[in-house]
Amino acid sequence: MADDDTKFRDVAQAAARAFDLVPTGPDEPRPGRGVAQRLETDPDTVERDLIKLVLTIVELLRQLMERTALHRVDQGDLREDQEERIGMTLMILQDRMAELCERYDLTMEDLNLDLGPLGSLLPRDSG
């Protein structure tokens, strides 16, 4: 019987955490730091929120490409001209990301989604 109580309690806690992802209403307070952010569904900010989501995905892919390129350089898989071309492409992409963030009044930290117990989506800068 105690195992059943534990299972029900675990399910109830999981359900409660899932409801934390439900969009906030206009009169609900916004969560503070350290609490997983809820999705805001304000019609006035839909475009900016969509841009934020797209830029987050692009930044995640950019970082993955950068890590892959660095790994290939470390392994010696690339010729010198390929290394230069990849490096230049990644620098240009990073510059374009900065321009788009500035245009939509976003910071790179804004793109780093909080995944709750999993941590942040993107690695935090160590510097």
Protein backbone atom coordinates (compact mmCIF):
# COMPACT_ATOMS: atom_id res chain seq x y z
CA MET A 1 0.00 0.00 0.00
CA ALA A 2 2.89 2.35 0.78
CA ASP A 3 4.26 1.77 -2.74
CA ASP A 4 0.91 2.83 -4.21
CA ASP A 5 0.91 6.00 -2.11
CA THR A 6 4.43 6.81 -3.30
CA LYS A 7 3.45 6.23 -6.95
CA PHE A 8 0.38 8.45 -6.61
CA ARG A 9 2.43 11.16 -4.92
CA ASP A 10 5.04 10.98 -7.72
CA VAL A 11 2.33 11.21 -10.38
CA ALA A 12 0.72 14.16 -8.58
CA GLN A 13 4.07 15.96 -8.36
CA ALA A 14 4.76 15.31 -12.05
CA ALA A 15 1.32 16.68 -12.96
CA ALA A 16 1.90 19.76 -10.84
CA ARG A 17 5.23 20.38 -12.63
CA ALA A 18 3.53 19.94 -16.01
CA PHE A 19 0.99 22.63 -15.14
CA ASP A 20 3.88 25.02 -14.57
CA LEU A 21 4.23 24.99 -18.37
CA VAL A 22 0.66 26.21 -18.95
CA PRO A 23 0.56 29.73 -20.41
CA THR A 24 0.05 32.52 -17.92
CA GLY A 25 -3.06 34.61 -17.98
CA PRO A 26 -2.96 38.41 -18.27
CA ASP A 27 -3.61 38.90 -14.53
CA GLU A 28 -1.24 36.18 -13.25
CA PRO A 29 2.09 37.29 -11.77
CA ARG A 30 5.20 36.44 -13.74
CA PRO A 31 7.56 34.01 -12.03
CA GLY A 32 10.82 35.32 -10.59
CA ARG A 33 14.37 34.13 -11.16
CA GLY A 34 15.08 30.51 -10.42
CA VAL A 35 11.55 29.47 -11.37
CA ALA A 36 10.87 27.97 -14.79
CA GLN A 37 9.38 30.66 -17.01
CA ARG A 38 5.88 30.20 -18.32
CA LEU A 39 5.00 30.81 -21.92
CA GLU A 40 3.62 34.28 -22.41
CA THR A 41 0.80 34.49 -24.93
CA ASP A 42 0.35 38.24 -25.24
CA PRO A 43 -0.89 39.03 -28.77
CA ASP A 44 1.24 42.18 -28.81
CA THR A 45 4.48 40.21 -28.40
CA VAL A 46 3.78 37.21 -30.63
CA GLU A 47 6.16 38.37 -33.38
CA ARG A 48 9.00 39.04 -30.95
CA ASP A 49 8.39 35.73 -29.16
CA LEU A 50 8.44 33.87 -32.47
CA ILE A 51 11.68 35.60 -33.46
CA LYS A 52 13.11 34.68 -30.05
CA LEU A 53 12.22 31.02 -30.59
CA VAL A 54 13.68 30.95 -34.11
CA LEU A 55 16.88 32.68 -33.00
CA THR A 56 17.19 30.25 -30.09
CA ILE A 57 17.06 27.31 -32.49
CA VAL A 58 19.53 28.96 -34.87
CA GLU A 59 21.92 29.71 -31.99
CA LEU A 60 21.70 26.12 -30.76
CA LEU A 61 22.54 24.86 -34.26
CA ARG A 62 25.35 27.42 -34.62
CA GLN A 63 26.94 26.23 -31.39
CA LEU A 64 26.61 22.59 -32.44
CA MET A 65 28.23 23.36 -35.81
CA GLU A 66 31.03 25.23 -34.05
CA ARG A 67 31.73 22.33 -31.71
CA THR A 68 31.68 19.87 -34.60
CA ALA A 69 34.10 22.04 -36.57
CA LEU A 70 36.45 22.35 -33.60
CA HIS A 71 36.36 18.60 -33.09
CA ARG A 72 37.19 18.03 -36.76
CA VAL A 73 40.06 20.53 -36.56
CA ASP A 74 41.39 18.76 -33.46
CA GLN A 75 41.17 15.42 -35.29
CA GLY A 76 42.97 16.81 -38.34
CA ASP A 77 40.04 15.95 -40.65
CA LEU A 78 40.08 19.28 -42.48
CA ARG A 79 42.43 20.91 -44.92
CA GLU A 80 43.67 24.40 -44.09
CA ASP A 81 41.37 26.05 -46.66
CA GLN A 82 38.37 24.17 -45.23
CA GLU A 83 39.26 25.31 -41.72
CA GLU A 84 39.45 28.93 -42.90
CA ARG A 85 36.14 28.71 -44.75
CA ILE A 86 34.34 27.12 -41.78
CA GLY A 87 35.86 29.64 -39.38
CA MET A 88 34.79 32.57 -41.57
CA THR A 89 31.27 31.16 -41.99
CA LEU A 90 30.84 30.68 -38.24
CA MET A 91 32.11 34.21 -37.56
CA ILE A 92 29.66 35.68 -40.08
CA LEU A 93 26.80 33.65 -38.59
CA GLN A 94 27.70 34.86 -35.11
CA ASP A 95 27.75 38.48 -36.35
CA ARG A 96 24.33 38.05 -38.01
CA MET A 97 22.94 36.56 -34.80
CA ALA A 98 24.18 39.59 -32.86
CA GLU A 99 22.60 41.93 -35.43
CA LEU A 100 19.24 40.14 -35.26
CA CYS A 101 19.30 40.13 -31.47
CA GLU A 102 19.99 43.85 -31.48
CA ARG A 103 17.22 44.50 -34.03
CA TYR A 104 14.65 42.70 -31.87
CA ASP A 105 16.05 44.00 -28.56
CA LEU A 106 17.17 40.55 -27.40
CA THR A 107 20.33 39.41 -25.68
CA MET A 108 22.01 36.06 -26.07
CA GLU A 109 20.89 35.32 -22.50
CA ASP A 110 17.27 35.87 -23.63
CA LEU A 111 17.76 32.99 -26.06
CA ASN A 112 19.01 30.64 -23.34
CA LEU A 113 15.82 28.86 -22.32
CA ASP A 114 15.54 27.53 -18.78
CA LEU A 115 14.70 23.81 -18.96
CA GLY A 116 14.03 23.54 -15.24
CA PRO A 117 15.82 20.60 -13.65
CA LEU A 118 17.72 19.95 -16.89
CA GLY A 119 19.41 23.35 -16.68
CA SER A 120 19.71 25.86 -19.49
CA LEU A 121 19.36 24.98 -23.18
CA LEU A 122 22.59 26.67 -24.21
CA PRO A 123 25.88 26.48 -22.31
CA ARG A 124 26.54 29.56 -20.23
CA ASP A 125 29.59 31.66 -21.08
CA SER A 126 32.39 30.87 -18.69
CA GLY A 127 34.08 34.22 -19.21
